[in-house]
C-alpha atoms as a PDB file:
ATOM      1  CA  MET A   1      -1.337  15.447   5.028  1.00  0.00           C
ATOM      2  CA  THR A   2      -2.442  12.517   7.145  1.00  0.00           C
ATOM      3  CA  PRO A   3       0.385  10.427   8.692  1.00  0.00           C
ATOM      4  CA  LEU A   4       0.499   6.720   7.742  1.00  0.00           C
ATOM      5  CA  PRO A   5      -0.242   4.491  10.737  1.00  0.00           C
ATOM      6  CA  ASP A   6       2.402   1.967  11.624  1.00  0.00           C
ATOM      7  CA  SER A   7       0.044  -0.852  10.537  1.00  0.00           C
ATOM      8  CA  VAL A   8      -0.091   0.620   7.033  1.00  0.00           C
ATOM      9  CA  LYS A   9       3.695   1.116   6.929  1.00  0.00           C
ATOM     10  CA  SER A  10       4.156  -2.468   8.030  1.00  0.00           C
ATOM     11  CA  LEU A  11       1.787  -3.739   5.359  1.00  0.00           C
ATOM     12  CA  ILE A  12       3.584  -1.741   2.698  1.00  0.00           C
ATOM     13  CA  GLU A  13       6.919  -3.112   3.797  1.00  0.00           C
ATOM     14  CA  GLY A  14       5.728  -6.642   3.014  1.00  0.00           C
ATOM     15  CA  LYS A  15       5.743  -8.145  -0.420  1.00  0.00           C
ATOM     16  CA  VAL A  16       2.266  -6.758  -1.257  1.00  0.00           C
ATOM     17  CA  TYR A  17       0.841  -5.174  -4.327  1.00  0.00           C
ATOM     18  CA  ALA A  18      -1.165  -2.007  -4.610  1.00  0.00           C
ATOM     19  CA  ASN A  19      -4.063  -1.120  -6.879  1.00  0.00           C
ATOM     20  CA  PHE A  20      -3.243   2.455  -7.869  1.00  0.00           C
ATOM     21  CA  ALA A  21      -6.171   4.539  -9.186  1.00  0.00           C
ATOM     22  CA  THR A  22      -5.703   7.742 -11.221  1.00  0.00           C
ATOM     23  CA  LEU A  23      -8.025   9.729 -13.367  1.00  0.00           C
ATOM     24  CA  MET A  24      -8.021   9.693 -17.164  1.00  0.00           C
ATOM     25  CA  PRO A  25      -8.468  12.970 -19.071  1.00  0.00           C
ATOM     26  CA  ASP A  26     -12.153  12.312 -19.445  1.00  0.00           C
ATOM     27  CA  GLY A  27     -12.513  11.735 -15.677  1.00  0.00           C
ATOM     28  CA  SER A  28     -12.896   7.983 -15.846  1.00  0.00           C
ATOM     29  CA  PRO A  29     -10.789   5.850 -13.483  1.00  0.00           C
ATOM     30  CA  HIS A  30      -7.650   4.029 -14.487  1.00  0.00           C
ATOM     31  CA  VAL A  31      -6.570   1.305 -11.998  1.00  0.00           C
ATOM     32  CA  VAL A  32      -3.363  -0.686 -12.287  1.00  0.00           C
ATOM     33  CA  GLN A  33      -1.621  -3.105 -10.004  1.00  0.00           C
ATOM     34  CA  THR A  34       1.884  -1.980  -9.010  1.00  0.00           C
ATOM     35  CA  TRP A  35       4.721  -2.292  -6.497  1.00  0.00           C
ATOM     36  CA  VAL A  36       4.463   0.082  -3.568  1.00  0.00           C
ATOM     37  CA  ASP A  37       6.824   1.469  -1.013  1.00  0.00           C
ATOM     38  CA  HIS A  38       6.905   4.332   1.535  1.00  0.00           C
ATOM     39  CA  ASP A  39       9.441   6.908   2.794  1.00  0.00           C
ATOM     40  CA  GLY A  40       8.066   7.784   6.185  1.00  0.00           C
ATOM     41  CA  ASP A  41       4.568   9.141   5.606  1.00  0.00           C
ATOM     42  CA  THR A  42       5.064   9.431   1.808  1.00  0.00           C
ATOM     43  CA  VAL A  43       3.836   6.633  -0.362  1.00  0.00           C
ATOM     44  CA  LEU A  44       6.028   5.856  -3.365  1.00  0.00           C
ATOM     45  CA  ILE A  45       5.159   4.373  -6.705  1.00  0.00           C
ATOM     46  CA  ASN A  46       8.012   3.776  -9.165  1.00  0.00           C
ATOM     47  CA  THR A  47       7.029   3.665 -12.894  1.00  0.00           C
ATOM     48  CA  ASN A  48       8.304   4.371 -16.360  1.00  0.00           C
ATOM     49  CA  GLU A  49       8.335   7.955 -17.429  1.00  0.00           C
ATOM     50  CA  GLY A  50       5.392   8.488 -19.873  1.00  0.00           C
ATOM     51  CA  SER A  51       3.271   5.562 -18.564  1.00  0.00           C
ATOM     52  CA  GLN A  52      -0.436   6.061 -18.283  1.00  0.00           C
ATOM     53  CA  LYS A  53      -0.250   6.354 -14.453  1.00  0.00           C
ATOM     54  CA  HIS A  54       2.598   8.921 -14.846  1.00  0.00           C
ATOM     55  CA  ARG A  55       0.631  10.961 -17.334  1.00  0.00           C
ATOM     56  CA  ASN A  56      -2.568  10.838 -15.264  1.00  0.00           C
ATOM     57  CA  ALA A  57      -0.849  11.652 -11.975  1.00  0.00           C
ATOM     58  CA  ALA A  58       1.006  14.614 -13.584  1.00  0.00           C
ATOM     59  CA  ARG A  59      -2.251  16.059 -14.989  1.00  0.00           C
ATOM     60  CA  ASP A  60      -4.518  15.410 -11.947  1.00  0.00           C
ATOM     61  CA  PRO A  61      -2.856  14.751  -8.535  1.00  0.00           C
ATOM     62  CA  ARG A  62      -5.865  13.037  -6.969  1.00  0.00           C
ATOM     63  CA  VAL A  63      -5.188   9.267  -6.529  1.00  0.00           C
ATOM     64  CA  ALA A  64      -6.328   6.297  -4.481  1.00  0.00           C
ATOM     65  CA  ILE A  65      -4.401   3.187  -3.514  1.00  0.00           C
ATOM     66  CA  VAL A  66      -5.619  -0.091  -2.112  1.00  0.00           C
ATOM     67  CA  ILE A  67      -3.021  -2.374  -0.612  1.00  0.00           C
ATOM     68  CA  THR A  68      -3.942  -5.922   0.160  1.00  0.00           C
ATOM     69  CA  ASP A  69      -1.998  -8.675   1.904  1.00  0.00           C
ATOM     70  CA  PRO A  70      -2.000 -11.567  -0.566  1.00  0.00           C
ATOM     71  CA  THR A  71      -2.373 -14.079   2.326  1.00  0.00           C
ATOM     72  CA  SER A  72      -5.442 -12.432   3.792  1.00  0.00           C
ATOM     73  CA  ALA A  73      -7.920 -10.366   1.823  1.00  0.00           C
ATOM     74  CA  TYR A  74      -9.225  -8.709   5.018  1.00  0.00           C
ATOM     75  CA  HIS A  75      -5.788  -7.417   5.796  1.00  0.00           C
ATOM     76  CA  MET A  76      -5.814  -4.336   3.623  1.00  0.00           C
ATOM     77  CA  ALA A  77      -5.361  -0.545   3.696  1.00  0.00           C
ATOM     78  CA  VAL A  78      -6.988   2.224   1.619  1.00  0.00           C
ATOM     79  CA  ILE A  79      -5.220   5.496   0.947  1.00  0.00           C
ATOM     80  CA  ARG A  80      -6.727   8.556  -0.772  1.00  0.00           C
ATOM     81  CA  GLY A  81      -4.327  11.321  -1.348  1.00  0.00           C
ATOM     82  CA  ARG A  82      -2.570  13.706  -3.744  1.00  0.00           C
ATOM     83  CA  VAL A  83       0.642  13.514  -5.687  1.00  0.00           C
ATOM     84  CA  SER A  84       3.099  15.852  -4.110  1.00  0.00           C
ATOM     85  CA  GLU A  85       5.977  15.317  -6.470  1.00  0.00           C
ATOM     86  CA  ILE A  86       6.998  13.399  -9.549  1.00  0.00           C
ATOM     87  CA  THR A  87      10.752  13.111  -9.938  1.00  0.00           C
ATOM     88  CA  ARG A  88      13.546  11.128 -11.612  1.00  0.00           C
ATOM     89  CA  ASP A  89      15.757  11.825  -8.569  1.00  0.00           C
ATOM     90  CA  GLY A  90      16.446   8.569  -6.837  1.00  0.00           C
ATOM     91  CA  ALA A  91      14.098   6.547  -9.123  1.00  0.00           C
ATOM     92  CA  GLU A  92      16.825   4.287 -10.577  1.00  0.00           C
ATOM     93  CA  GLU A  93      18.161   3.315  -7.182  1.00  0.00           C
ATOM     94  CA  HIS A  94      14.662   2.939  -5.873  1.00  0.00           C
ATOM     95  CA  ILE A  95      13.599   0.459  -8.552  1.00  0.00           C
ATOM     96  CA  ASP A  96      16.609  -1.707  -7.666  1.00  0.00           C
ATOM     97  CA  LYS A  97      15.402  -1.713  -4.022  1.00  0.00           C
ATOM     98  CA  MET A  98      12.010  -2.812  -5.283  1.00  0.00           C
ATOM     99  CA  ALA A  99      13.566  -5.527  -7.447  1.00  0.00           C
ATOM    100  CA  LYS A 100      15.147  -6.993  -4.371  1.00  0.00           C
ATOM    101  CA  LYS A 101      11.831  -6.920  -2.422  1.00  0.00           C
ATOM    102  CA  TYR A 102       9.643  -8.325  -5.227  1.00  0.00           C
ATOM    103  CA  LEU A 103      12.000 -10.298  -7.543  1.00  0.00           C
ATOM    104  CA  GLY A 104      14.834 -11.311  -5.189  1.00  0.00           C
ATOM    105  CA  GLN A 105      17.270  -9.635  -7.613  1.00  0.00           C
ATOM    106  CA  GLU A 106      19.936  -6.947  -6.889  1.00  0.00           C
ATOM    107  CA  LYS A 107      19.153  -4.973 -10.073  1.00  0.00           C
ATOM    108  CA  TYR A 108      15.881  -4.386 -11.896  1.00  0.00           C
ATOM    109  CA  PRO A 109      16.059  -5.446 -15.467  1.00  0.00           C
ATOM    110  CA  ARG A 110      16.223  -2.260 -17.548  1.00  0.00           C
ATOM    111  CA  ARG A 111      14.709  -1.644 -20.991  1.00  0.00           C
ATOM    112  CA  PRO A 112      16.797   0.658 -23.135  1.00  0.00           C
ATOM    113  CA  GLY A 113      15.318   4.168 -23.576  1.00  0.00           C
ATOM    114  CA  LEU A 114      13.003   4.035 -20.559  1.00  0.00           C
ATOM    115  CA  ASN A 115      13.517   6.397 -17.659  1.00  0.00           C
ATOM    116  CA  ARG A 116      12.234   5.585 -14.189  1.00  0.00           C
ATOM    117  CA  ILE A 117      10.301   8.139 -12.130  1.00  0.00           C
ATOM    118  CA  LEU A 118       8.990   8.215  -8.506  1.00  0.00           C
ATOM    119  CA  ILE A 119       5.432   9.341  -7.897  1.00  0.00           C
ATOM    120  CA  LYS A 120       5.320  10.647  -4.294  1.00  0.00           C
ATOM    121  CA  ILE A 121       1.930  10.662  -2.621  1.00  0.00           C
ATOM    122  CA  GLN A 122       0.733  12.429   0.476  1.00  0.00           C
ATOM    123  CA  ALA A 123      -2.202  10.755   2.199  1.00  0.00           C
ATOM    124  CA  ARG A 124      -5.322  12.759   2.849  1.00  0.00           C
ATOM    125  CA  ARG A 125      -7.491   9.892   4.159  1.00  0.00           C
ATOM    126  CA  VAL A 126      -6.182   6.501   5.385  1.00  0.00           C
ATOM    127  CA  ILE A 127      -8.214   3.457   6.342  1.00  0.00           C
ATOM    128  CA  PRO A 128      -5.808   1.117   8.143  1.00  0.00           C
ATOM    129  CA  PRO A 129      -5.952  -2.716   8.072  1.00  0.00           C
ATOM    130  CA  TYR A 130      -8.772  -4.532   9.757  1.00  0.00           C
ATOM    131  CA  THR A 131      -6.804  -6.971  11.850  1.00  0.00           C
ATOM    132  CA  ASP A 132      -9.585  -8.927  13.594  1.00  0.00           C
ATOM    133  CA  THR A 133      -9.390 -12.529  12.343  1.00  0.00           C
ATOM    134  CA  GLN A 134     -13.118 -13.043  12.637  1.00  0.00           C
ATOM    135  CA  ARG A 135     -15.336 -11.779   9.846  1.00  0.00           C
ATOM    136  CA  SER A 136     -16.900  -8.439  10.611  1.00  0.00           C
ATOM    137  CA  ASN A 137     -20.650  -7.991  10.900  1.00  0.00           C
ATOM    138  CA  TRP A 138     -20.780  -6.069   7.577  1.00  0.00           C
ATOM    139  CA  SER A 139     -19.194  -8.940   5.795  1.00  0.00           C
ATOM    140  CA  LYS A 140     -22.094 -11.161   7.017  1.00  0.00           C
ATOM    141  CA  GLY A 141     -24.610  -8.656   5.660  1.00  0.00           C
ATOM    142  CA  THR A 142     -25.633  -7.162   9.039  1.00  0.00           C
ATOM    143  CA  SER A 143     -24.708  -3.965  10.799  1.00  0.00           C
ATOM    144  CA  SER A 144     -23.811  -3.291  14.352  1.00  0.00           C
END
């Protein structure tokens, strides 16, 4: 496992969205935008039990996540890792925490018959945010 740098944790703690990539049964990618959180060095994705991302992560633990600051496209992080656990434990309480962060509500609006799960991810490779406010040489099409 690779620890999450403080800059990545700080980014996740903001009201940012993650593009979460899993693998379909045929090996093709499935990418969905989702809420994101962390517990120390573990990345957390909360979803409905039985969702496509849940089914994919349960079958193949290899995942990738791109987290981008909505106010600055160059303030982003990339995480490649593996699902270490999928659990119902704490998922209902966690989605309420996420509702406060993303919706400003105390409780997440539930749909009857759907159970929440937490997908816990251990990073294997982390590219932290690029924090220089000037465009990098590669973004200009040159190399250094």
